[in-house]
Amino acid sequence: MENMGLKIFGDVFRQKRILITGNTGFKGSWLSLWLHDLGAEVTGLALAPDTEPSHFDLIGLKDIVNHIECDIRDSRVVNKAFKTADPEIVFHLAAQALVRDSYENPKDTFDTNIGGTVNILEAVRASSSVNAAVVVTSDKCYENREWIWGYRENDPMGGHDPYSASKGATEIVCSAYRRSFFNKTGLGPHVGFSTVRA
């Protein structure tokens, strides 16, 4: 039986060159598999899986997508991966994603989540092939007001802990790139660009 969830996308992603950062993580591995099933040519860019077993290994993702193992804090490797993949669409999910780890290693958290994102955005800016980019941050990017209801997109960025602060700062960095480079009047290529907060 055909998967109706995949059918609604038709051929939108078929033969599109897509680069996904963080494809060894839970969300990134699922997104990679899903886009592969939709006919995309997927390149993943990530550290080695950090759990055993990992979803990445269990679904055999390294056998169905082009996987490049690297740290997004290394701009040279990121730029080389972009040249190799020549992506049309970029999904940036790579991050240090754990609040507890952010207390133990705040510098690594900021370097990865902010500096790594800047490396990805610079690679997008230098690319002549990228038409669209999506950066995934977190609902933790908002200033924590201890409200009982959910946050809204126009609530202020913030964060009491290094992880949350890094995600709020990433949203601000992305906003600067959107306004400065990725619009029709910007100083870079016109790229459909958005952040999403999981």
C-alpha atoms as a PDB file:
ATOM      1  CA  MET A   1       0.000   0.000   0.000  1.00  0.00           C
ATOM      2  CA  GLU A   2       1.392   3.411  -0.954  1.00  0.00           C
ATOM      3  CA  ASN A   3       2.168   5.765   1.913  1.00  0.00           C
ATOM      4  CA  MET A   4      -0.399   8.594   1.659  1.00  0.00           C
ATOM      5  CA  GLY A   5       1.889  10.919   3.642  1.00  0.00           C
ATOM      6  CA  LEU A   6       4.509  10.662   0.910  1.00  0.00           C
ATOM      7  CA  LYS A   7       1.996  10.819  -1.935  1.00  0.00           C
ATOM      8  CA  ILE A   8       0.823  14.340  -1.091  1.00  0.00           C
ATOM      9  CA  PHE A   9       4.266  15.709  -2.006  1.00  0.00           C
ATOM     10  CA  GLY A  10       4.169  14.212  -5.496  1.00  0.00           C
ATOM     11  CA  ASP A  11       7.459  14.863  -7.272  1.00  0.00           C
ATOM     12  CA  VAL A  12       8.355  18.080  -5.432  1.00  0.00           C
ATOM     13  CA  PHE A  13      11.577  16.603  -4.034  1.00  0.00           C
ATOM     14  CA  ARG A  14      12.305  14.069  -6.786  1.00  0.00           C
ATOM     15  CA  GLN A  15      15.890  14.437  -8.058  1.00  0.00           C
ATOM     16  CA  LYS A  16      16.447  17.517  -5.886  1.00  0.00           C
ATOM     17  CA  ARG A  17      19.916  17.715  -4.367  1.00  0.00           C
ATOM     18  CA  ILE A  18      19.354  18.141  -0.635  1.00  0.00           C
ATOM     19  CA  LEU A  19      21.941  18.600   2.106  1.00  0.00           C
ATOM     20  CA  ILE A  20      20.891  17.758   5.658  1.00  0.00           C
ATOM     21  CA  THR A  21      23.136  18.591   8.590  1.00  0.00           C
ATOM     22  CA  GLY A  22      22.732  16.420  11.659  1.00  0.00           C
ATOM     23  CA  ASN A  23      21.569  13.399   9.682  1.00  0.00           C
ATOM     24  CA  THR A  24      22.920  10.996  12.322  1.00  0.00           C
ATOM     25  CA  GLY A  25      20.526  12.432  14.912  1.00  0.00           C
ATOM     26  CA  PHE A  26      16.972  11.267  15.431  1.00  0.00           C
ATOM     27  CA  LYS A  27      15.148  13.984  13.467  1.00  0.00           C
ATOM     28  CA  GLY A  28      17.875  14.286  10.835  1.00  0.00           C
ATOM     29  CA  SER A  29      17.936  10.550  10.127  1.00  0.00           C
ATOM     30  CA  TRP A  30      14.157  10.443   9.725  1.00  0.00           C
ATOM     31  CA  LEU A  31      14.189  13.503   7.452  1.00  0.00           C
ATOM     32  CA  SER A  32      16.973  11.955   5.360  1.00  0.00           C
ATOM     33  CA  LEU A  33      15.070   8.686   4.978  1.00  0.00           C
ATOM     34  CA  TRP A  34      11.814  10.452   4.152  1.00  0.00           C
ATOM     35  CA  LEU A  35      13.392  12.706   1.508  1.00  0.00           C
ATOM     36  CA  HIS A  36      15.238   9.735   0.022  1.00  0.00           C
ATOM     37  CA  ASP A  37      11.900   7.909  -0.244  1.00  0.00           C
ATOM     38  CA  LEU A  38      10.512  10.987  -2.044  1.00  0.00           C
ATOM     39  CA  GLY A  39      13.262  10.613  -4.653  1.00  0.00           C
ATOM     40  CA  ALA A  40      15.720  13.273  -3.463  1.00  0.00           C
ATOM     41  CA  GLU A  41      19.483  12.947  -3.790  1.00  0.00           C
ATOM     42  CA  VAL A  42      20.384  13.337  -0.109  1.00  0.00           C
ATOM     43  CA  THR A  43      23.765  14.258   1.323  1.00  0.00           C
ATOM     44  CA  GLY A  44      24.127  14.163   5.089  1.00  0.00           C
ATOM     45  CA  LEU A  45      26.672  16.126   7.059  1.00  0.00           C
ATOM     46  CA  ALA A  46      27.120  15.150  10.708  1.00  0.00           C
ATOM     47  CA  LEU A  47      29.227  13.717  13.469  1.00  0.00           C
ATOM     48  CA  ALA A  48      29.223   9.949  13.940  1.00  0.00           C
ATOM     49  CA  PRO A  49      26.117   8.652  15.748  1.00  0.00           C
ATOM     50  CA  ASP A  50      26.458   9.102  19.503  1.00  0.00           C
ATOM     51  CA  THR A  51      24.247   6.208  20.598  1.00  0.00           C
ATOM     52  CA  GLU A  52      24.341   2.481  20.050  1.00  0.00           C
ATOM     53  CA  PRO A  53      22.194   1.381  18.518  1.00  0.00           C
ATOM     54  CA  SER A  54      21.384   4.540  16.582  1.00  0.00           C
ATOM     55  CA  HIS A  55      18.475   5.167  14.268  1.00  0.00           C
ATOM     56  CA  PHE A  56      21.029   6.102  11.572  1.00  0.00           C
ATOM     57  CA  ASP A  57      22.575   2.608  11.779  1.00  0.00           C
ATOM     58  CA  LEU A  58      19.322   0.705  12.307  1.00  0.00           C
ATOM     59  CA  ILE A  59      17.806   2.017   9.075  1.00  0.00           C
ATOM     60  CA  GLY A  60      21.066   1.617   7.120  1.00  0.00           C
ATOM     61  CA  LEU A  61      21.114   5.304   6.176  1.00  0.00           C
ATOM     62  CA  LYS A  62      24.795   5.293   5.252  1.00  0.00           C
ATOM     63  CA  ASP A  63      23.919   2.868   2.438  1.00  0.00           C
ATOM     64  CA  ILE A  64      21.189   5.015   0.869  1.00  0.00           C
ATOM     65  CA  VAL A  65      22.476   8.595   1.224  1.00  0.00           C
ATOM     66  CA  ASN A  66      25.849  10.213   0.702  1.00  0.00           C
ATOM     67  CA  HIS A  67      27.073  10.712   4.267  1.00  0.00           C
ATOM     68  CA  ILE A  68      29.964  13.054   5.080  1.00  0.00           C
ATOM     69  CA  GLU A  69      31.219  12.788   8.635  1.00  0.00           C
ATOM     70  CA  CYS A  70      32.320  16.164   9.941  1.00  0.00           C
ATOM     71  CA  ASP A  71      31.993  18.754  12.659  1.00  0.00           C
ATOM     72  CA  ILE A  72      30.063  21.842  11.518  1.00  0.00           C
ATOM     73  CA  ARG A  73      32.455  23.983  13.570  1.00  0.00           C
ATOM     74  CA  ASP A  74      35.066  23.300  10.854  1.00  0.00           C
ATOM     75  CA  SER A  75      34.218  25.778   8.100  1.00  0.00           C
ATOM     76  CA  ARG A  76      36.724  24.254   5.654  1.00  0.00           C
ATOM     77  CA  VAL A  77      35.047  20.856   5.803  1.00  0.00           C
ATOM     78  CA  VAL A  78      31.574  22.438   5.610  1.00  0.00           C
ATOM     79  CA  ASN A  79      32.558  24.413   2.490  1.00  0.00           C
ATOM     80  CA  LYS A  80      34.070  21.309   0.888  1.00  0.00           C
ATOM     81  CA  ALA A  81      30.878  19.331   1.621  1.00  0.00           C
ATOM     82  CA  PHE A  82      28.759  22.045  -0.010  1.00  0.00           C
ATOM     83  CA  LYS A  83      30.943  21.968  -3.110  1.00  0.00           C
ATOM     84  CA  THR A  84      30.674  18.172  -3.282  1.00  0.00           C
ATOM     85  CA  ALA A  85      26.901  18.042  -2.700  1.00  0.00           C
ATOM     86  CA  ASP A  86      26.046  21.140  -4.779  1.00  0.00           C
ATOM     87  CA  PRO A  87      22.711  21.309  -2.896  1.00  0.00           C
ATOM     88  CA  GLU A  88      19.551  22.999  -4.072  1.00  0.00           C
ATOM     89  CA  ILE A  89      17.920  22.759  -0.635  1.00  0.00           C
ATOM     90  CA  VAL A  90      19.573  22.778   2.802  1.00  0.00           C
ATOM     91  CA  PHE A  91      18.048  21.581   6.073  1.00  0.00           C
ATOM     92  CA  HIS A  92      20.251  22.495   9.036  1.00  0.00           C
ATOM     93  CA  LEU A  93      19.495  20.310  12.060  1.00  0.00           C
ATOM     94  CA  ALA A  94      22.997  19.711  13.466  1.00  0.00           C
ATOM     95  CA  ALA A  95      23.338  20.991  17.022  1.00  0.00           C
ATOM     96  CA  GLN A  96      24.439  20.302  20.540  1.00  0.00           C
ATOM     97  CA  ALA A  97      20.900  19.540  21.620  1.00  0.00           C
ATOM     98  CA  LEU A  98      21.047  18.711  25.326  1.00  0.00           C
ATOM     99  CA  VAL A  99      20.418  21.230  28.120  1.00  0.00           C
ATOM    100  CA  ARG A 100      22.442  19.207  30.653  1.00  0.00           C
ATOM    101  CA  ASP A 101      25.452  19.041  28.292  1.00  0.00           C
ATOM    102  CA  SER A 102      25.220  22.795  27.795  1.00  0.00           C
ATOM    103  CA  TYR A 103      25.884  23.296  31.513  1.00  0.00           C
ATOM    104  CA  GLU A 104      28.874  20.943  31.385  1.00  0.00           C
ATOM    105  CA  ASN A 105      30.299  22.337  28.109  1.00  0.00           C
ATOM    106  CA  PRO A 106      28.857  25.804  27.472  1.00  0.00           C
ATOM    107  CA  LYS A 107      31.602  26.835  25.037  1.00  0.00           C
ATOM    108  CA  ASP A 108      31.083  23.747  22.864  1.00  0.00           C
ATOM    109  CA  THR A 109      27.348  24.443  22.898  1.00  0.00           C
ATOM    110  CA  PHE A 110      27.780  28.056  21.760  1.00  0.00           C
ATOM    111  CA  ASP A 111      30.489  27.141  19.238  1.00  0.00           C
ATOM    112  CA  THR A 112      28.330  24.419  17.682  1.00  0.00           C
ATOM    113  CA  ASN A 113      24.904  26.011  17.804  1.00  0.00           C
ATOM    114  CA  ILE A 114      25.886  29.565  16.893  1.00  0.00           C
ATOM    115  CA  GLY A 115      29.289  29.249  15.187  1.00  0.00           C
ATOM    116  CA  GLY A 116      28.332  26.054  13.359  1.00  0.00           C
ATOM    117  CA  THR A 117      25.163  27.704  12.085  1.00  0.00           C
ATOM    118  CA  VAL A 118      27.185  30.683  10.845  1.00  0.00           C
ATOM    119  CA  ASN A 119      29.431  28.231   8.956  1.00  0.00           C
ATOM    120  CA  ILE A 120      26.370  26.672   7.305  1.00  0.00           C
ATOM    121  CA  LEU A 121      24.894  30.084   6.439  1.00  0.00           C
ATOM    122  CA  GLU A 122      28.200  31.254   4.991  1.00  0.00           C
ATOM    123  CA  ALA A 123      28.318  28.123   2.831  1.00  0.00           C
ATOM    124  CA  VAL A 124      24.750  28.839   1.674  1.00  0.00           C
ATOM    125  CA  ARG A 125      25.723  32.439   0.923  1.00  0.00           C
ATOM    126  CA  ALA A 126      28.730  31.318  -1.134  1.00  0.00           C
ATOM    127  CA  SER A 127      26.742  28.691  -3.036  1.00  0.00           C
ATOM    128  CA  SER A 128      25.312  29.311  -6.475  1.00  0.00           C
ATOM    129  CA  SER A 129      23.085  26.220  -6.276  1.00  0.00           C
ATOM    130  CA  VAL A 130      21.085  26.721  -3.055  1.00  0.00           C
ATOM    131  CA  ASN A 131      17.531  27.947  -3.639  1.00  0.00           C
ATOM    132  CA  ALA A 132      16.095  27.291  -0.182  1.00  0.00           C
ATOM    133  CA  ALA A 133      17.382  26.752   3.347  1.00  0.00           C
ATOM    134  CA  VAL A 134      15.672  25.810   6.598  1.00  0.00           C
ATOM    135  CA  VAL A 135      17.369  26.116   9.998  1.00  0.00           C
ATOM    136  CA  VAL A 136      15.813  24.091  12.814  1.00  0.00           C
ATOM    137  CA  THR A 137      16.208  25.642  16.254  1.00  0.00           C
ATOM    138  CA  SER A 138      14.051  24.943  19.314  1.00  0.00           C
ATOM    139  CA  ASP A 139      11.078  26.236  21.274  1.00  0.00           C
ATOM    140  CA  LYS A 140      13.688  26.843  23.992  1.00  0.00           C
ATOM    141  CA  CYS A 141      14.843  29.908  22.020  1.00  0.00           C
ATOM    142  CA  TYR A 142      12.242  32.082  23.777  1.00  0.00           C
ATOM    143  CA  GLU A 143      12.825  34.021  26.971  1.00  0.00           C
ATOM    144  CA  ASN A 144      11.448  31.687  29.648  1.00  0.00           C
ATOM    145  CA  ARG A 145       8.592  33.535  31.362  1.00  0.00           C
ATOM    146  CA  GLU A 146       7.347  30.399  33.185  1.00  0.00           C
ATOM    147  CA  TRP A 147       3.995  30.857  31.437  1.00  0.00           C
ATOM    148  CA  ILE A 148       1.415  28.088  31.406  1.00  0.00           C
ATOM    149  CA  TRP A 149       0.670  28.623  27.706  1.00  0.00           C
ATOM    150  CA  GLY A 150       2.832  28.177  24.630  1.00  0.00           C
ATOM    151  CA  TYR A 151       5.127  30.832  23.228  1.00  0.00           C
ATOM    152  CA  ARG A 152       4.333  32.795  20.074  1.00  0.00           C
ATOM    153  CA  GLU A 153       6.680  33.565  17.197  1.00  0.00           C
ATOM    154  CA  ASN A 154       6.821  37.245  18.157  1.00  0.00           C
ATOM    155  CA  ASP A 155       7.819  36.568  21.786  1.00  0.00           C
ATOM    156  CA  PRO A 156      11.337  37.759  22.697  1.00  0.00           C
ATOM    157  CA  MET A 157      14.334  35.460  22.314  1.00  0.00           C
ATOM    158  CA  GLY A 158      16.241  34.536  25.441  1.00  0.00           C
ATOM    159  CA  GLY A 159      17.370  31.654  27.572  1.00  0.00           C
ATOM    160  CA  HIS A 160      18.352  31.024  31.166  1.00  0.00           C
ATOM    161  CA  ASP A 161      20.699  28.157  30.342  1.00  0.00           C
ATOM    162  CA  PRO A 162      23.482  27.951  27.713  1.00  0.00           C
ATOM    163  CA  TYR A 163      21.446  25.675  25.415  1.00  0.00           C
ATOM    164  CA  SER A 164      18.397  27.956  25.355  1.00  0.00           C
ATOM    165  CA  ALA A 165      20.563  31.055  24.975  1.00  0.00           C
ATOM    166  CA  SER A 166      22.408  29.433  22.067  1.00  0.00           C
ATOM    167  CA  LYS A 167      19.110  28.720  20.311  1.00  0.00           C
ATOM    168  CA  GLY A 168      17.826  32.258  20.893  1.00  0.00           C
ATOM    169  CA  ALA A 169      21.115  33.635  19.548  1.00  0.00           C
ATOM    170  CA  THR A 170      20.878  31.304  16.537  1.00  0.00           C
ATOM    171  CA  GLU A 171      17.447  32.755  15.726  1.00  0.00           C
ATOM    172  CA  ILE A 172      18.912  36.268  15.893  1.00  0.00           C
ATOM    173  CA  VAL A 173      21.839  35.269  13.643  1.00  0.00           C
ATOM    174  CA  CYS A 174      19.404  33.741  11.145  1.00  0.00           C
ATOM    175  CA  SER A 175      17.298  36.896  11.183  1.00  0.00           C
ATOM    176  CA  ALA A 176      20.397  38.964  10.384  1.00  0.00           C
ATOM    177  CA  TYR A 177      21.318  36.680   7.467  1.00  0.00           C
ATOM    178  CA  ARG A 178      17.734  36.732   6.170  1.00  0.00           C
ATOM    179  CA  ARG A 179      17.601  40.530   6.204  1.00  0.00           C
ATOM    180  CA  SER A 180      21.170  41.170   5.052  1.00  0.00           C
ATOM    181  CA  PHE A 181      21.786  38.470   2.473  1.00  0.00           C
ATOM    182  CA  PHE A 182      18.917  36.144   1.572  1.00  0.00           C
ATOM    183  CA  ASN A 183      16.277  38.527   0.274  1.00  0.00           C
ATOM    184  CA  LYS A 184      15.781  40.151  -3.108  1.00  0.00           C
ATOM    185  CA  THR A 185      17.516  43.367  -2.048  1.00  0.00           C
ATOM    186  CA  GLY A 186      20.195  41.727   0.117  1.00  0.00           C
ATOM    187  CA  LEU A 187      23.932  41.531  -0.404  1.00  0.00           C
ATOM    188  CA  GLY A 188      23.860  37.836  -1.291  1.00  0.00           C
ATOM    189  CA  PRO A 189      21.853  35.373  -3.369  1.00  0.00           C
ATOM    190  CA  HIS A 190      18.075  35.333  -3.125  1.00  0.00           C
ATOM    191  CA  VAL A 191      17.373  32.201  -1.083  1.00  0.00           C
ATOM    192  CA  GLY A 192      14.042  31.075   0.320  1.00  0.00           C
ATOM    193  CA  PHE A 193      15.058  31.032   3.980  1.00  0.00           C
ATOM    194  CA  SER A 194      13.248  30.137   7.178  1.00  0.00           C
ATOM    195  CA  THR A 195      13.784  28.949  10.706  1.00  0.00           C
ATOM    196  CA  VAL A 196      11.520  26.417  12.384  1.00  0.00           C
ATOM    197  CA  ARG A 197      11.285  25.783  16.092  1.00  0.00           C
ATOM    198  CA  ALA A 198      10.783  22.192  17.104  1.00  0.00           C
END
